[in-house]
Amino acid sequence: MSEKMSKEDMVKEAVEEAKAKAAENAQNEAQAEDASSDTADADTADGEKAETEEGGEAAGADEAESDGAADDVDENESKTEKKKLFGKKNKKDKKDEKIDELTDRLTRQMAEFDNFRKRTEKEKAQMYEIGAKDIIEKILPVVDNFERGLSSVTEEEKATPFAEGMEKIYKQFMTTLEGIGVKPIEAVGKEFDPDFHNAVMHVEDEELGENIIAEEFQKGYTYRDSVVRHSMVKVAN
């Protein structure tokens, strides 16, 4: 019995020692954890402080980088605007190029047509004038004959119905010619002008000035300021 109790005591003692040792280990571990926690808190505080300082430096760097980036953006925008103003234009679309080509072609064709129209009208006017001058030249001898016939009528014959009728026909004829632009060239008493007069004779006449027309042999006429026939005249020297 004493031996059995002795074993029990030994077991109890061993258990008690184990419990004490376990409690001691637990306490040591708790102390170690507390020390580790304090160290970690200190490290965390130092880290946060360092991070704060680094954050301040980083913020300054970021601000500097931001300013630099803003300057780069402004510079790039300025370059872009310059390129827009002075750079080459963007390449046009093929449809726009075709439209511009057709518009330019139409403009040139319209200009050519307008020039053709003006040239044609001018040529028509010239052809009409040439044709009219040709007809007038053929009519003028008839006018000359009228004038010769009327000039040969005596004063007594002028009162006859025939002479009066011829006089009226002549006046109507001349009015019609004047209406289409045919006018006689003034000659007698005017200074000789080779553009309108054709001198076929010269005469010495002190009463007339030099180069003055003394007599007209055949009337000259103009059509629209263009000479159809020059006046045949005698000029004083």
Protein backbone atom coordinates (compact mmCIF):
# COMPACT_ATOMS: atom_id res chain seq x y z
CA MET A 1 0.00 0.00 0.00
CA SER A 2 2.82 2.36 0.87
CA GLU A 3 4.51 1.43 -2.36
CA LYS A 4 1.30 2.16 -4.30
CA MET A 5 0.93 5.54 -2.67
CA SER A 6 4.47 6.25 -3.42
CA LYS A 7 3.78 5.74 -7.10
CA GLU A 8 0.72 7.85 -6.93
CA ASP A 9 2.68 10.56 -5.21
CA MET A 10 5.27 10.31 -7.89
CA VAL A 11 2.61 10.61 -10.57
CA LYS A 12 1.04 13.58 -8.83
CA GLU A 13 4.38 15.19 -8.40
CA ALA A 14 5.18 14.58 -12.02
CA VAL A 15 1.80 16.04 -13.02
CA GLU A 16 2.34 19.05 -10.80
CA GLU A 17 5.77 19.58 -12.26
CA ALA A 18 4.37 19.27 -15.75
CA LYS A 19 1.63 21.78 -14.93
CA ALA A 20 4.15 24.17 -13.40
CA LYS A 21 6.44 23.79 -16.34
CA ALA A 22 3.51 24.31 -18.73
CA ALA A 23 2.42 27.41 -16.83
CA GLU A 24 5.99 28.70 -16.90
CA ASN A 25 6.23 28.06 -20.61
CA ALA A 26 2.91 29.76 -21.18
CA GLN A 27 4.03 32.77 -19.18
CA ASN A 28 7.31 32.91 -21.06
CA GLU A 29 5.46 32.71 -24.34
CA ALA A 30 3.08 35.48 -23.23
CA GLN A 31 6.01 37.66 -22.24
CA ALA A 32 7.73 36.90 -25.52
CA GLU A 33 4.56 37.80 -27.41
CA ASP A 34 4.24 41.05 -25.48
CA ALA A 35 7.87 41.91 -26.23
CA SER A 36 7.39 41.00 -29.84
CA SER A 37 4.22 43.12 -29.97
CA ASP A 38 6.01 46.10 -28.50
CA THR A 39 8.84 45.65 -30.97
CA ALA A 40 6.35 45.35 -33.81
CA ASP A 41 4.52 48.48 -32.64
CA ALA A 42 7.81 50.36 -32.51
CA ASP A 43 8.76 49.08 -35.93
CA THR A 44 5.29 50.01 -37.20
CA ALA A 45 5.60 53.54 -35.80
CA ASP A 46 9.05 53.92 -37.31
CA GLY A 47 7.77 52.52 -40.59
CA GLU A 48 4.80 54.85 -40.60
CA LYS A 49 7.07 57.77 -39.85
CA ALA A 50 9.42 56.73 -42.61
CA GLU A 51 6.49 56.20 -44.94
CA THR A 52 5.15 59.62 -43.99
CA GLU A 53 8.49 61.19 -44.76
CA GLU A 54 8.76 59.15 -47.94
CA GLY A 55 5.17 60.08 -48.75
CA GLY A 56 6.04 63.74 -48.34
CA GLU A 57 9.03 63.32 -50.58
CA ALA A 58 6.95 61.26 -53.01
CA ALA A 59 4.21 63.89 -52.93
CA GLY A 60 6.79 66.56 -53.71
CA ALA A 61 8.17 64.39 -56.48
CA ASP A 62 4.67 63.69 -57.76
CA GLU A 63 3.86 67.40 -57.65
CA ALA A 64 7.05 68.16 -59.54
CA GLU A 65 6.26 65.41 -62.01
CA SER A 66 2.70 66.77 -62.30
CA ASP A 67 4.02 70.26 -63.03
CA GLY A 68 6.45 68.81 -65.55
CA ALA A 69 3.68 66.79 -67.14
CA ALA A 70 1.47 69.89 -67.31
CA ASP A 71 4.31 71.77 -69.00
CA ASP A 72 4.74 68.87 -71.43
CA VAL A 73 1.00 68.89 -72.15
CA ASP A 74 1.04 72.65 -72.79
CA GLU A 75 4.08 72.29 -75.01
CA ASN A 76 2.47 69.41 -76.91
CA GLU A 77 -0.76 71.38 -77.32
CA SER A 78 1.24 74.36 -78.56
CA LYS A 79 3.07 72.15 -81.06
CA THR A 80 -0.23 70.63 -82.15
CA GLU A 81 -1.75 74.07 -82.71
CA LYS A 82 1.33 75.13 -84.68
CA LYS A 83 1.06 72.01 -86.79
CA LYS A 84 -2.59 72.80 -87.43
CA LEU A 85 -1.74 76.34 -88.42
CA PHE A 86 1.47 75.79 -90.35
CA GLY A 87 1.63 72.07 -90.92
CA LYS A 88 0.45 70.16 -93.91
CA LYS A 89 -3.24 69.74 -94.33
CA ASN A 90 -4.82 66.39 -93.78
CA LYS A 91 -5.17 64.36 -96.90
CA LYS A 92 -8.57 64.83 -98.48
CA ASP A 93 -10.97 62.00 -99.02
CA LYS A 94 -11.11 60.60 -102.54
CA LYS A 95 -14.71 61.72 -102.90
CA ASP A 96 -13.79 65.29 -101.91
CA GLU A 97 -10.88 65.24 -104.37
CA LYS A 98 -13.24 64.03 -107.11
CA ILE A 99 -15.75 66.76 -106.25
CA ASP A 100 -13.00 69.41 -106.35
CA GLU A 101 -11.76 68.06 -109.68
CA LEU A 102 -15.25 68.10 -111.23
CA THR A 103 -15.93 71.58 -109.82
CA ASP A 104 -12.67 72.90 -111.28
CA ARG A 105 -13.43 71.26 -114.63
CA LEU A 106 -16.95 72.74 -114.67
CA THR A 107 -15.60 76.19 -113.79
CA ARG A 108 -13.06 76.04 -116.61
CA GLN A 109 -15.67 74.80 -119.10
CA MET A 110 -18.04 77.61 -118.10
CA ALA A 111 -15.24 80.14 -118.56
CA GLU A 112 -14.39 78.65 -121.95
CA PHE A 113 -18.05 78.71 -122.97
CA ASP A 114 -18.37 82.34 -121.87
CA ASN A 115 -15.27 83.26 -123.88
CA PHE A 116 -16.67 81.34 -126.87
CA ARG A 117 -20.01 83.14 -126.53
CA LYS A 118 -18.33 86.56 -126.38
CA ARG A 119 -16.04 85.70 -129.28
CA THR A 120 -19.01 84.43 -131.32
CA GLU A 121 -21.05 87.54 -130.61
CA LYS A 122 -18.11 89.70 -131.61
CA GLU A 123 -17.60 87.73 -134.82
CA LYS A 124 -21.33 87.92 -135.58
CA ALA A 125 -21.28 91.68 -135.03
CA GLN A 126 -18.23 92.00 -137.28
CA MET A 127 -19.84 89.81 -139.94
CA TYR A 128 -23.05 91.83 -139.71
CA GLU A 129 -21.11 95.06 -139.98
CA ILE A 130 -19.12 93.78 -142.95
CA GLY A 131 -22.31 92.62 -144.65
CA ALA A 132 -24.08 95.90 -143.91
CA LYS A 133 -21.13 97.91 -145.20
CA ASP A 134 -21.10 95.86 -148.36
CA ILE A 135 -24.81 96.55 -148.96
CA ILE A 136 -24.41 100.25 -148.14
CA GLU A 137 -21.53 100.54 -150.60
CA LYS A 138 -23.82 99.14 -153.28
CA ILE A 139 -26.63 101.54 -152.32
CA LEU A 140 -24.48 104.69 -152.27
CA PRO A 141 -24.21 104.95 -156.09
CA VAL A 142 -28.03 105.03 -156.14
CA VAL A 143 -27.94 107.90 -153.67
CA ASP A 144 -25.36 109.67 -155.87
CA ASN A 145 -27.65 109.33 -158.88
CA PHE A 146 -30.58 110.69 -156.89
CA GLU A 147 -28.53 113.72 -155.94
CA ARG A 148 -27.28 114.30 -159.45
CA GLY A 149 -30.81 114.06 -160.84
CA LEU A 150 -32.25 116.44 -158.25
CA SER A 151 -29.42 118.93 -158.71
CA SER A 152 -30.20 119.09 -162.44
CA VAL A 153 -33.84 120.00 -161.89
CA THR A 154 -34.54 123.64 -162.65
CA GLU A 155 -36.47 125.91 -160.34
CA GLU A 156 -39.50 125.72 -162.61
CA GLU A 157 -39.42 121.91 -162.70
CA LYS A 158 -39.17 121.63 -158.91
CA ALA A 159 -42.82 122.55 -158.65
CA THR A 160 -43.90 119.63 -160.81
CA PRO A 161 -45.43 116.56 -159.13
CA PHE A 162 -42.67 114.32 -160.53
CA ALA A 163 -39.84 116.43 -159.07
CA GLU A 164 -41.65 116.73 -155.75
CA GLY A 165 -42.19 112.96 -155.65
CA MET A 166 -38.51 112.27 -156.34
CA GLU A 167 -37.52 114.75 -153.64
CA LYS A 168 -39.72 112.98 -151.11
CA ILE A 169 -38.33 109.57 -152.07
CA TYR A 170 -34.78 110.87 -151.67
CA LYS A 171 -35.50 112.31 -148.22
CA GLN A 172 -37.17 109.10 -147.09
CA PHE A 173 -34.22 107.14 -148.43
CA MET A 174 -31.71 109.27 -146.52
CA THR A 175 -33.81 109.12 -143.33
CA THR A 176 -33.79 105.32 -143.54
CA LEU A 177 -30.01 105.21 -144.03
CA GLU A 178 -29.51 107.56 -141.12
CA GLY A 179 -31.75 105.35 -138.99
CA ILE A 180 -29.47 102.35 -139.49
CA GLY A 181 -26.35 104.40 -138.69
CA VAL A 182 -25.26 105.73 -142.10
CA LYS A 183 -24.14 109.36 -141.98
CA PRO A 184 -22.51 111.67 -144.56
CA ILE A 185 -18.97 112.89 -143.84
CA GLU A 186 -18.61 116.65 -143.45
CA ALA A 187 -16.14 118.03 -145.95
CA VAL A 188 -16.35 121.56 -147.37
CA GLY A 189 -14.77 124.13 -145.07
CA LYS A 190 -13.30 121.42 -142.80
CA GLU A 191 -9.64 120.60 -142.32
CA PHE A 192 -8.44 117.73 -144.46
CA ASP A 193 -8.35 114.42 -142.57
CA PRO A 194 -6.90 111.41 -144.42
CA ASP A 195 -9.01 109.10 -142.23
CA PHE A 196 -12.21 110.51 -143.80
CA HIS A 197 -11.16 112.40 -146.96
CA ASN A 198 -9.46 111.46 -150.19
CA ALA A 199 -7.73 114.46 -151.85
CA VAL A 200 -7.93 114.16 -155.62
CA MET A 201 -7.06 117.79 -156.37
CA HIS A 202 -5.21 120.76 -154.86
CA VAL A 203 -5.90 124.43 -155.39
CA GLU A 204 -4.18 127.65 -154.49
CA ASP A 205 -6.67 129.81 -152.62
CA GLU A 206 -5.56 132.63 -150.36
CA GLU A 207 -9.02 133.03 -148.89
CA LEU A 208 -9.00 129.49 -147.55
CA GLY A 209 -6.55 128.40 -144.93
CA GLU A 210 -3.89 125.82 -145.59
CA ASN A 211 -5.12 122.22 -145.78
CA ILE A 212 -8.78 123.28 -145.86
CA ILE A 213 -11.22 121.46 -148.14
CA ALA A 214 -12.42 123.78 -150.91
CA GLU A 215 -14.79 121.48 -152.79
CA GLU A 216 -16.36 118.01 -152.55
CA PHE A 217 -16.70 115.88 -155.66
CA GLN A 218 -18.30 112.85 -154.09
CA LYS A 219 -19.83 112.46 -150.66
CA GLY A 220 -18.32 110.11 -148.19
CA TYR A 221 -20.27 108.11 -145.64
CA THR A 222 -19.69 106.34 -142.34
CA TYR A 223 -21.51 103.38 -140.86
CA ARG A 224 -21.42 103.17 -137.04
CA ASP A 225 -18.32 105.40 -136.93
CA SER A 226 -16.60 103.22 -139.52
CA VAL A 227 -15.82 104.72 -142.92
CA VAL A 228 -17.76 103.11 -145.75
CA ARG A 229 -16.53 105.50 -148.41
CA HIS A 230 -14.06 108.38 -148.19
CA SER A 231 -15.06 111.80 -149.46
CA MET A 232 -13.41 112.81 -152.73
CA VAL A 233 -12.33 116.44 -152.24
CA LYS A 234 -10.24 119.33 -153.49
CA VAL A 235 -7.87 120.74 -150.87
CA ALA A 236 -6.38 124.23 -150.65
CA ASN A 237 -2.58 124.43 -150.29
